[in-house]
Amino acid sequence: MLIKLQLKKNDLSSWLLIFFLVAIVILSTVSDLFQTPVLVGHDVNRYKFLFDKDELKNVSAIDLKNNLTNVSLGNQKTHWQMTAPKSLPANEETVQKIISAIEGIKIREVHTLDQINISHFSLDNPLMQISFKFDNAEAILKMKFGLINSIDNLTYVTLSDKDAIYEVEAVKLPIESYDLAEFIESRPMPFNISDIEQLEIYRGSKKQNILQLSIHQKDGIWLDRANSEIASEQVNQYLQQLTAVRSYMIIDSVTDEQKKIIDDYLSNLAYSVYIQIGGQEFALHASNIIGGIADLKIEKKLYFIVAPEDRAISYLLHKDVQSIFSKRQSDFPKSSAKRPFD
């Protein structure tokens, strides 16, 4: 009796072992189906980067959707503009960083594009989607980003013009967690200082003709109103401060009552600023310190308004930065640099 029981136990152990080995073989086969990369035709030659050099150079519009926001951006040549969900100037730095990060994506493996892999890599419910539209092209390039492997920091991407799934290094920006605020330009003067050709600041409105500062650039040299060379280092430092000023609040939609109050504040200007870039002039009007605006929760006598002429919005700035508009010609000394043949 004891012997028979022992034999049955041995038989059971053998069958369990066989079943276990078969299960391992099946699981390994299924895993290979999911994980084995398959390089497809033309993709072999671009196995390093997802995009060729300068492929995203002529982007004219971007649509981006993640779990926090859905934004549309348009390239206006002089600046990027958010077109949805609001019409606001877009944060140039954010846009350029996104394009650079996408350009730098490196491919690790290429997988077959089929329903099993699409589901396995969560591309049927993507973490993020980005669409690019290009100058002089009707086709729109659509990207979908699947799950991110937290162990090796790899993710999975599909391109609308390619029949493959790319296993790539995760984008070096947390774009999937960007909210709407990341895409809004909070600076009234979001210009590159290297592009600025001329700056004029008037006390009050330009019509009052109280010009307190006028500088312009010629052949890389900054000159004052009298065409005398001034210290470029100080000019660049000031332009850096001017273009770095950020608003406390952007006023993009107003009631009739609020519009009347804002118009009243701007009818008595503290400063008018005119910046020339590429032969195009950009004007901004700065109010005096304001008392308040109906239905806006702001403290009285703490802010002033800056209204760009080319944008249907106003910026609310803290009074501490108003002094940056008070620069005068005398604040920029003549250059002491000696030049050849002077």
Foldseek 3Di string as FASTA:
>chain_A
DVVVVVVVVVVVVVVVVVVVVVVVVVVVVVVCLQPPFDDDPPCVVVQWWPDDPCPQVFFAKKWKDAPADTWIWGCPVQAIFTPPPATAGWDRVLVVLVVVLNRHKTFDGKHADDPVNCVVQQQVPFRMKMWTDGPPDDDIKIKGWGDADPVQQWTWMDIPVDRIITTIHHRPDVVSPDHPVNTHAQFPQQDDPVQWFKKWKAFKDVVVVRTFFIWGDDPNFIAGPVRFTWDPVVVVVLVVLNNPAGFPDKAQDDDPQQVVQLVVQQVTFRMKMWTDGPNDIKIKTKGQQAQDGPPDPDHGRFWIWIDIPVDNMIGIHGPVCPCSSVDGPVVIDGDPDDDPPD
